[in-house]
Structures are given as structure tokens and as C-alpha cells.
Amino acid sequence: VMSDLYGWILEQITAVEGMARAAEKEQGRSWATRWEPSGDYFEVVDDRGLLVADQVQPGAAGLIVAHSPAAVLRRCAADRRQLVSHGPRQDGSGFPDSMQCRTCSEDGGDGYQYLVPAPCATVRDLAEGYGWTGEGSPA
């Protein structure tokens, strides 16, 4: 299950990157940079002042601007780096499935820091951000 979680997260990141690149291509590498009032709704416009979306609710307009393809791709790159940083490694027990996080440690109560079992809390948090629902199989 642990190695499946790492693979599942990578699949999710890859899928989101694909959507962001497609949206970026559709907009001609320009994206929504601001929203402007238009009656009871808002218009979302790009950095050239061209309309991206009209009749948008205020909350949705802000969300569109905040989640531009460039912002999404930056987040995906950061998530990939986190996943590598917190990747699994053998724990030295000799059991092939006994893995620990290569980064996270905790106080063992005996004055030593011990690496935590993989997947660590950071990896589980990354997975949750992509829709994973708990300790069992990915969503």
C-alpha cells in the first residue's frame, strides 16, 4: 500500500500538470490576472485585458485568478520535490517492505532521533491534497 501511495500521488500530480498545460495552451500562454465588476457578476481578464470568463461569481473569479496554470505548475513542482524528499528507504531491518522516510524523524525517548516509518505524515498530507481519503487504498 505504501509504494502504491507514492505512485498514486505521482499519477495525480501528472494529471493536474496535464490539465494546467492544456489550459495554458488554450489561453495562448496568457491567463486570468484580474477580475472586474460587470453588473451583478465579474469578468475575468488576462494580462492583455482579453476576456477569459464572464458572468462569474466573486469567489469563483478570485479562484480562477489564483489558480492560473503557472501557479498550478509551480505547486505541482513543489509537491514532486516534497515527495522525493520524503521518499521511502530501507530501514535496515532486512525486511524488504520495511521502509522509513528519508527525512522525517522523531525523538525515541532515549536521546536519539529515529526516522519514522514511510509513508510519513508529509506524504499522507500530500496525498490528502489530491483526494486520498485515509490509510487504505488511495481514492
Protein backbone atom coordinates (compact mmCIF):
# COMPACT_ATOMS: atom_id res chain seq x y z
CA VAL A 1 0.00 0.00 0.00
CA MET A 2 2.83 2.40 0.88
CA SER A 3 4.54 2.21 -2.51
CA ASP A 4 1.12 2.42 -4.15
CA LEU A 5 0.55 5.73 -2.35
CA TYR A 6 3.74 7.26 -3.77
CA GLY A 7 2.80 6.09 -7.27
CA TRP A 8 -0.77 7.30 -6.83
CA ILE A 9 0.40 10.77 -5.78
CA LEU A 10 2.70 10.96 -8.82
CA GLU A 11 -0.23 10.00 -11.07
CA GLN A 12 -2.34 12.78 -9.54
CA ILE A 13 0.41 15.36 -9.94
CA THR A 14 0.93 14.32 -13.57
CA ALA A 15 -2.82 14.58 -14.28
CA VAL A 16 -3.04 18.08 -12.75
CA GLU A 17 0.06 19.19 -14.69
CA GLY A 18 -1.60 17.96 -17.88
CA MET A 19 -4.74 19.98 -17.17
CA ALA A 20 -2.71 23.10 -16.37
CA ARG A 21 -0.66 22.78 -19.56
CA ALA A 22 -3.81 22.27 -21.63
CA ALA A 23 -5.42 25.36 -20.09
CA GLU A 24 -2.24 27.35 -20.66
CA LYS A 25 -2.16 26.27 -24.30
CA GLU A 26 -5.84 27.15 -24.82
CA GLN A 27 -5.23 30.65 -23.49
CA GLY A 28 -2.14 31.20 -25.61
CA ARG A 29 0.18 31.26 -22.56
CA SER A 30 -1.77 34.16 -21.09
CA TRP A 31 -4.07 33.65 -18.16
CA ALA A 32 -6.51 35.41 -15.94
CA THR A 33 -4.77 38.08 -13.92
CA ARG A 34 -7.67 40.12 -12.54
CA TRP A 35 -11.41 40.34 -12.28
CA GLU A 36 -13.58 43.37 -12.87
CA PRO A 37 -17.19 44.17 -11.93
CA SER A 38 -19.75 43.60 -14.66
CA GLY A 39 -23.26 44.20 -13.33
CA ASP A 40 -24.05 41.61 -10.64
CA TYR A 41 -21.14 39.42 -11.74
CA PHE A 42 -17.47 39.75 -12.62
CA GLU A 43 -15.46 39.40 -15.77
CA VAL A 44 -12.08 37.68 -15.54
CA VAL A 45 -9.48 39.11 -17.90
CA ASP A 46 -5.91 38.17 -18.81
CA ASP A 47 -2.79 40.30 -18.68
CA ARG A 48 -3.63 41.71 -22.14
CA GLY A 49 -7.11 42.77 -20.99
CA LEU A 50 -8.80 40.00 -23.01
CA LEU A 51 -11.87 38.28 -21.58
CA VAL A 52 -11.23 34.84 -20.04
CA ALA A 53 -14.65 34.32 -18.41
CA ASP A 54 -17.77 36.42 -17.94
CA GLN A 55 -20.73 36.33 -15.55
CA VAL A 56 -18.57 34.84 -12.81
CA GLN A 57 -19.43 34.97 -9.10
CA PRO A 58 -16.89 36.93 -6.99
CA GLY A 59 -15.49 33.90 -5.17
CA ALA A 60 -15.09 31.93 -8.38
CA ALA A 61 -13.42 34.89 -10.09
CA GLY A 62 -10.76 35.03 -7.39
CA LEU A 63 -10.26 31.28 -7.57
CA ILE A 64 -9.74 31.40 -11.33
CA VAL A 65 -7.10 34.10 -10.97
CA ALA A 66 -5.34 32.38 -8.02
CA HIS A 67 -5.14 29.04 -9.82
CA SER A 68 -3.58 30.04 -13.08
CA PRO A 69 -1.74 27.28 -14.95
CA ALA A 70 1.60 28.80 -13.92
CA ALA A 71 0.58 28.74 -10.24
CA VAL A 72 -0.67 25.16 -10.54
CA LEU A 73 2.53 24.03 -12.26
CA ARG A 74 4.63 25.66 -9.51
CA ARG A 75 2.60 23.81 -6.88
CA CYS A 76 2.99 20.50 -8.73
CA ALA A 77 6.75 21.00 -8.96
CA ALA A 78 6.89 21.73 -5.22
CA ASP A 79 4.79 18.64 -4.48
CA ARG A 80 7.14 16.48 -6.57
CA ARG A 81 10.12 17.82 -4.61
CA GLN A 82 8.35 17.10 -1.32
CA LEU A 83 7.60 13.56 -2.46
CA VAL A 84 11.27 12.97 -3.33
CA SER A 85 12.44 14.49 -0.03
CA HIS A 86 10.09 12.27 1.94
CA GLY A 87 10.58 9.18 -0.21
CA PRO A 88 10.97 5.73 1.30
CA ARG A 89 14.24 3.97 2.04
CA GLN A 90 15.09 0.63 3.62
CA ASP A 91 15.03 0.80 7.40
CA GLY A 92 17.91 -1.64 7.84
CA SER A 93 15.79 -4.42 9.32
CA GLY A 94 16.34 -6.73 6.37
CA PHE A 95 12.61 -6.96 5.64
CA PRO A 96 12.04 -5.78 2.04
CA ASP A 97 8.76 -3.99 2.87
CA SER A 98 10.08 -2.30 5.99
CA MET A 99 10.67 1.28 4.87
CA GLN A 100 11.19 4.63 6.54
CA CYS A 101 11.01 8.24 5.42
CA ARG A 102 14.39 9.54 4.34
CA THR A 103 13.71 12.91 6.03
CA CYS A 104 11.34 12.74 9.00
CA SER A 105 12.50 11.68 12.44
CA GLU A 106 11.13 11.64 15.95
CA ASP A 107 12.59 11.51 19.43
CA GLY A 108 12.85 7.92 20.61
CA GLY A 109 12.88 8.96 24.26
CA ASP A 110 16.42 7.66 24.66
CA GLY A 111 18.26 10.75 23.43
CA TYR A 112 18.30 9.58 19.78
CA GLN A 113 16.27 10.66 16.78
CA TYR A 114 14.75 7.83 14.73
CA LEU A 115 13.47 8.01 11.16
CA VAL A 116 9.71 7.45 11.01
CA PRO A 117 8.02 4.68 9.02
CA ALA A 118 7.08 5.52 5.45
CA PRO A 119 4.80 6.99 4.33
CA CYS A 120 5.34 9.84 6.77
CA ALA A 121 2.77 12.48 7.69
CA THR A 122 4.08 14.81 4.96
CA VAL A 123 3.41 12.22 2.24
CA ARG A 124 -0.03 11.44 3.67
CA ASP A 125 -0.79 15.19 3.71
CA LEU A 126 0.29 15.49 0.06
CA ALA A 127 -1.96 12.55 -0.81
CA GLU A 128 -4.90 14.10 1.03
CA GLY A 129 -4.45 17.28 -1.02
CA TYR A 130 -5.03 15.18 -4.15
CA GLY A 131 -8.09 13.39 -2.74
CA TRP A 132 -6.69 10.43 -0.80
CA THR A 133 -9.11 9.57 1.99
CA GLY A 134 -7.17 7.57 4.57
CA GLU A 135 -4.85 4.73 5.45
CA GLY A 136 -6.33 2.23 2.98
CA SER A 137 -6.05 2.32 -0.76
CA PRO A 138 -5.79 5.68 -2.50
CA ALA A 139 -9.09 7.29 -3.53
